[in-house]
Amino acid sequence: MQITEKDNNRYMLRAIHLAKKGLGKTSPNPVVGCIVVKDKKIVGEGFHKSFGAAHAEIKAINKAGSKAKGASLYVNLEPCVHFGKTPPCVDAIIKSGVKRVFVGIRDPNPVNNGKGIKILRSAGIKVKEGICGKEAKDLNAPFIKYITKNFPYVTLKMAQSLDGKIATRLGDSKWITCKDSRHLVHRIRQQVDAVMVGVGTVIRDDPLLTSHIPYLASRISTRQPVKIIVDSKLRTPLNSKIFSKKSLAKTIIAATNSAPKKRIKKLLKKNEEI
């Protein structure tokens, strides 16, 4: 059967959809989804579920079984060639008998970057890159930023009124946003490594800085982000909610040399990192 460009895009978007299921669970690894297609039918699929778990390609190939022979494999990120928590995916792909591999983007990691594609081609497997490349790149933007710049990918969350305000003259800010947007914020929190706020927010709002939407708990990982407080003089109140049992994730407080030593000792007693 002739596979068209439209088919390739559709299959890759399916792989990307699967990859999204790993958001917030695979860090510092990227999110990856993979499907195996034979005679225009998906015979195997999988996604990288968590750091240290089997890679998407392995799961898809295992589900396809003997049907992988002569099939096409679609993956949003170039298959790996190095040993990490798991063996190289290229070895499993070659062994499976897959004849065509479609890749969203190359792996920006210098350990891999093009090597996986080269090995597959050397084994006689046809490889085509750039299928839904923009979507694949956007999906792993945080990983790409970290691996190429050694710098975090930062998202700014701000609730702002149409006239550019984030609070009233008296400092009241609950709620500018609606219920749906607040749910979105908590969904994002479950996908990031850390949430950072200034000490002013802690003093005024006394937030938990957790993701705590009940109906999401059963559908998304309950993993909580690290809490980072920018507090030059350590004014963070010792009875803040971020230190309570309702907010158990690690807390890091970024201070300066002007922070009182007595405050440092008190916060260290709470096992917080200064």
Protein backbone atom coordinates (compact mmCIF):
# COMPACT_ATOMS: atom_id res chain seq x y z
CA MET A 1 0.00 0.00 0.00
CA GLN A 2 1.22 3.49 -0.91
CA ILE A 3 1.71 5.71 2.15
CA THR A 4 1.15 9.40 1.43
CA GLU A 5 2.57 12.48 3.10
CA LYS A 6 -0.83 12.99 4.70
CA ASP A 7 -0.61 9.48 6.17
CA ASN A 8 2.88 10.19 7.52
CA ASN A 9 1.70 13.36 9.23
CA ARG A 10 -1.31 11.57 10.72
CA TYR A 11 0.82 8.76 12.13
CA MET A 12 3.41 11.16 13.53
CA LEU A 13 0.71 13.25 15.20
CA ARG A 14 -0.51 10.04 16.82
CA ALA A 15 3.02 9.42 18.14
CA ILE A 16 3.14 13.00 19.47
CA HIS A 17 -0.26 12.52 21.12
CA LEU A 18 1.08 9.44 22.90
CA ALA A 19 4.24 11.28 23.92
CA LYS A 20 2.17 13.94 25.71
CA LYS A 21 1.02 11.28 28.17
CA GLY A 22 4.51 11.39 29.63
CA LEU A 23 4.57 15.14 30.29
CA GLY A 24 5.75 15.83 33.84
CA LYS A 25 6.87 12.24 34.38
CA THR A 26 10.01 11.70 32.29
CA SER A 27 12.28 14.60 33.31
CA PRO A 28 15.20 14.97 32.72
CA ASN A 29 14.44 12.74 29.73
CA PRO A 30 12.34 14.03 26.80
CA VAL A 31 8.78 12.88 26.15
CA VAL A 32 8.56 10.36 23.33
CA GLY A 33 5.76 8.47 21.60
CA CYS A 34 6.07 5.77 18.97
CA ILE A 35 3.82 3.72 16.70
CA VAL A 36 4.46 0.81 14.35
CA VAL A 37 2.39 0.76 11.15
CA LYS A 38 1.89 -2.12 8.73
CA ASP A 39 -0.46 -2.11 5.74
CA LYS A 40 -1.79 1.24 6.97
CA LYS A 41 -2.78 -0.27 10.33
CA ILE A 42 -1.25 0.57 13.69
CA VAL A 43 0.07 -2.75 15.02
CA GLY A 44 1.98 -1.40 18.02
CA GLU A 45 2.32 1.79 20.00
CA GLY A 46 3.82 3.09 23.20
CA PHE A 47 5.22 6.11 25.04
CA HIS A 48 7.99 6.82 27.53
CA LYS A 49 6.06 6.61 30.78
CA SER A 50 8.64 7.74 33.33
CA PHE A 51 12.36 8.33 33.87
CA GLY A 52 14.12 4.97 33.87
CA ALA A 53 11.18 3.12 32.27
CA ALA A 54 11.25 1.44 28.85
CA HIS A 55 11.48 3.83 25.91
CA ALA A 56 8.57 4.39 23.54
CA GLU A 57 10.19 2.48 20.66
CA ILE A 58 10.69 -0.63 22.78
CA LYS A 59 7.08 -0.62 23.96
CA ALA A 60 5.74 -0.15 20.43
CA ILE A 61 7.95 -2.89 18.97
CA ASN A 62 7.07 -5.32 21.75
CA LYS A 63 3.36 -4.75 21.16
CA ALA A 64 3.78 -5.21 17.42
CA GLY A 65 5.66 -8.48 17.88
CA SER A 66 6.27 -10.35 14.63
CA LYS A 67 4.17 -7.76 12.76
CA ALA A 68 7.04 -5.29 13.12
CA LYS A 69 8.93 -7.11 10.34
CA GLY A 70 8.70 -5.02 7.17
CA ALA A 71 6.67 -2.33 8.97
CA SER A 72 7.15 1.43 9.37
CA LEU A 73 8.00 3.02 12.70
CA TYR A 74 7.06 6.61 13.62
CA VAL A 75 8.75 8.37 16.54
CA ASN A 76 8.79 12.07 17.41
CA LEU A 77 12.46 12.03 18.51
CA GLU A 78 15.45 10.25 16.99
CA PRO A 79 16.01 6.80 18.58
CA CYS A 80 18.91 6.65 21.04
CA VAL A 81 22.24 4.88 20.46
CA HIS A 82 23.71 5.00 23.96
CA PHE A 83 23.30 2.94 27.10
CA GLY A 84 21.59 4.88 29.88
CA LYS A 85 18.92 3.52 32.19
CA THR A 86 17.95 1.30 29.26
CA PRO A 87 19.77 -0.23 26.24
CA PRO A 88 19.97 1.61 22.86
CA CYS A 89 16.68 1.73 20.95
CA VAL A 90 18.40 1.47 17.55
CA ASP A 91 19.49 -2.10 18.33
CA ALA A 92 15.92 -3.17 19.07
CA ILE A 93 14.60 -1.43 15.93
CA ILE A 94 17.14 -3.19 13.70
CA LYS A 95 16.46 -6.56 15.33
CA SER A 96 12.68 -6.13 14.91
CA GLY A 97 12.89 -6.11 11.11
CA VAL A 98 11.36 -2.65 10.71
CA LYS A 99 12.12 -1.37 7.20
CA ARG A 100 11.23 2.34 7.45
CA VAL A 101 11.64 4.83 10.28
CA PHE A 102 10.03 8.26 10.28
CA VAL A 103 11.50 10.77 12.73
CA GLY A 104 10.03 14.06 13.93
CA ILE A 105 13.31 15.73 14.92
CA ARG A 106 16.89 14.72 15.63
CA ASP A 107 17.89 14.26 19.25
CA PRO A 108 19.80 17.46 20.23
CA ASN A 109 21.79 15.50 22.82
CA PRO A 110 25.43 15.42 21.55
CA VAL A 111 25.65 11.78 22.67
CA ASN A 112 23.09 10.93 20.01
CA ASN A 113 22.42 13.80 17.53
CA GLY A 114 22.25 12.08 14.14
CA LYS A 115 24.08 8.93 15.20
CA GLY A 116 20.87 6.95 15.61
CA ILE A 117 19.74 7.87 12.11
CA LYS A 118 23.16 7.00 10.67
CA ILE A 119 23.19 3.55 12.32
CA LEU A 120 19.68 2.76 11.10
CA ARG A 121 20.56 3.73 7.54
CA SER A 122 23.74 1.65 7.72
CA ALA A 123 21.54 -1.32 8.63
CA GLY A 124 19.52 -0.83 5.43
CA ILE A 125 16.57 0.90 7.07
CA LYS A 126 15.09 3.87 5.23
CA VAL A 127 14.89 6.93 7.45
CA LYS A 128 12.99 10.13 6.81
CA GLU A 129 13.35 13.15 9.10
CA GLY A 130 11.24 16.25 9.72
CA ILE A 131 7.77 14.69 9.84
CA CYS A 132 5.66 17.22 11.81
CA GLY A 133 8.98 18.78 12.82
CA LYS A 134 7.52 21.94 14.36
CA GLU A 135 5.07 20.00 16.52
CA ALA A 136 7.82 17.61 17.60
CA LYS A 137 10.17 20.47 18.46
CA ASP A 138 7.52 22.41 20.41
CA LEU A 139 6.63 19.29 22.40
CA ASN A 140 10.16 18.91 23.77
CA ALA A 141 11.10 22.61 23.98
CA PRO A 142 12.14 22.32 27.68
CA PHE A 143 14.39 19.32 26.98
CA ILE A 144 15.94 20.99 23.93
CA LYS A 145 16.67 24.19 25.89
CA TYR A 146 18.26 22.26 28.74
CA ILE A 147 20.36 19.91 26.60
CA THR A 148 21.65 22.60 24.20
CA LYS A 149 22.01 25.60 26.53
CA ASN A 150 22.36 23.95 29.96
CA PHE A 151 19.69 26.39 31.10
CA PRO A 152 16.11 25.89 32.27
CA TYR A 153 13.07 26.49 30.08
CA VAL A 154 11.02 29.11 31.95
CA THR A 155 7.29 29.71 31.65
CA LEU A 156 5.79 32.89 33.11
CA LYS A 157 2.32 32.53 34.61
CA MET A 158 0.49 35.82 35.03
CA ALA A 159 -3.19 36.67 35.51
CA GLN A 160 -3.80 40.14 34.10
CA SER A 161 -6.87 42.28 33.50
CA LEU A 162 -7.56 43.91 30.13
CA ASP A 163 -6.11 47.22 31.38
CA GLY A 164 -2.83 45.56 32.38
CA LYS A 165 -3.38 45.09 36.12
CA ILE A 166 -2.67 42.00 38.25
CA ALA A 167 -4.41 43.31 41.41
CA THR A 168 -6.50 46.18 42.74
CA ARG A 169 -4.98 49.24 44.43
CA LEU A 170 -5.48 47.42 47.75
CA GLY A 171 -3.63 44.35 46.49
CA ASP A 172 -6.70 42.13 46.01
CA SER A 173 -6.16 39.64 43.19
CA LYS A 174 -8.59 36.73 43.72
CA TRP A 175 -9.88 35.96 41.26
CA ILE A 176 -9.08 37.71 38.00
CA THR A 177 -9.08 34.33 36.29
CA CYS A 178 -11.82 31.79 35.74
CA LYS A 179 -12.08 28.20 36.95
CA ASP A 180 -10.85 26.75 33.65
CA SER A 181 -7.70 28.88 33.61
CA ARG A 182 -6.90 27.92 37.20
CA HIS A 183 -7.26 24.25 36.27
CA LEU A 184 -4.84 24.86 33.39
CA VAL A 185 -2.28 26.37 35.79
CA HIS A 186 -2.39 23.29 38.01
CA ARG A 187 -2.13 21.01 35.00
CA ILE A 188 1.01 22.89 33.96
CA ARG A 189 2.40 22.63 37.50
CA GLN A 190 2.25 18.86 37.25
CA GLN A 191 4.36 19.01 34.09
CA VAL A 192 7.24 21.15 35.37
CA ASP A 193 10.20 20.48 37.65
CA ALA A 194 9.82 23.58 39.81
CA VAL A 195 7.61 26.58 40.59
CA MET A 196 9.33 29.84 41.52
CA VAL A 197 7.81 32.88 43.25
CA GLY A 198 9.08 35.94 45.05
CA VAL A 199 8.82 36.31 48.83
CA GLY A 200 6.18 39.02 48.33
CA THR A 201 3.81 36.42 46.89
CA VAL A 202 4.45 34.11 49.85
CA ILE A 203 3.78 36.88 52.38
CA ARG A 204 0.66 38.20 50.66
CA ASP A 205 -0.98 35.06 49.29
CA ASP A 206 0.51 32.29 51.48
CA PRO A 207 0.29 29.74 48.64
CA LEU A 208 0.87 25.99 48.81
CA LEU A 209 2.58 26.03 45.38
CA THR A 210 1.27 22.54 44.70
CA SER A 211 -0.94 21.07 42.03
CA HIS A 212 -4.12 20.28 43.88
CA ILE A 213 -7.12 19.86 41.62
CA PRO A 214 -8.97 16.77 42.90
CA TYR A 215 -10.42 15.61 39.58
CA LEU A 216 -6.98 15.70 37.94
CA ALA A 217 -5.34 13.53 40.59
CA SER A 218 -6.62 10.28 39.13
CA ARG A 219 -5.73 11.20 35.54
CA ILE A 220 -2.33 12.85 35.89
CA SER A 221 0.72 12.02 37.98
CA THR A 222 0.48 13.43 41.50
CA ARG A 223 4.18 14.37 41.29
CA GLN A 224 4.65 17.81 42.83
CA PRO A 225 7.15 20.45 41.63
CA VAL A 226 10.01 21.73 43.76
CA LYS A 227 9.18 25.09 45.36
CA ILE A 228 11.69 27.93 44.82
CA ILE A 229 11.31 31.15 46.81
CA VAL A 230 13.36 34.22 45.82
CA ASP A 231 13.89 35.87 49.20
CA SER A 232 17.08 37.95 49.54
CA LYS A 233 16.64 38.74 53.26
CA LEU A 234 14.75 35.58 54.30
CA ARG A 235 11.48 37.29 55.15
CA THR A 236 9.51 34.11 54.42
CA PRO A 237 7.25 33.50 57.48
CA LEU A 238 8.11 30.29 59.31
CA ASN A 239 4.40 29.38 59.50
CA SER A 240 3.89 29.66 55.70
CA LYS A 241 1.82 26.95 54.03
CA ILE A 242 4.81 25.95 51.90
CA PHE A 243 6.29 24.39 55.06
CA SER A 244 3.10 22.51 55.96
CA LYS A 245 2.25 18.83 55.47
CA LYS A 246 -0.07 19.89 52.65
CA SER A 247 2.97 21.00 50.65
CA LEU A 248 5.51 18.20 50.98
CA ALA A 249 7.72 18.86 47.95
CA LYS A 250 11.24 20.14 48.54
CA THR A 251 11.61 23.90 49.16
CA ILE A 252 14.62 25.92 48.02
CA ILE A 253 14.98 29.50 49.23
CA ALA A 254 17.32 31.73 47.22
CA ALA A 255 18.82 34.34 49.57
CA THR A 256 21.77 36.75 49.65
CA ASN A 257 24.54 37.57 52.15
CA SER A 258 22.20 40.15 53.72
CA ALA A 259 20.00 37.36 55.11
CA PRO A 260 20.11 37.26 58.95
CA LYS A 261 22.01 34.23 60.26
CA LYS A 262 19.33 33.59 62.88
CA ARG A 263 16.73 33.22 60.13
CA ILE A 264 19.01 30.86 58.25
CA LYS A 265 19.35 28.61 61.31
CA LYS A 266 15.58 28.55 61.90
CA LEU A 267 14.84 27.62 58.30
CA LEU A 268 17.56 24.99 58.24
CA LYS A 269 15.87 23.37 61.23
CA LYS A 270 12.88 22.84 58.95
CA ASN A 271 15.19 20.89 56.62
CA GLU A 272 14.80 23.50 53.89
CA GLU A 273 17.57 24.33 51.45
CA ILE A 274 18.95 27.87 51.57
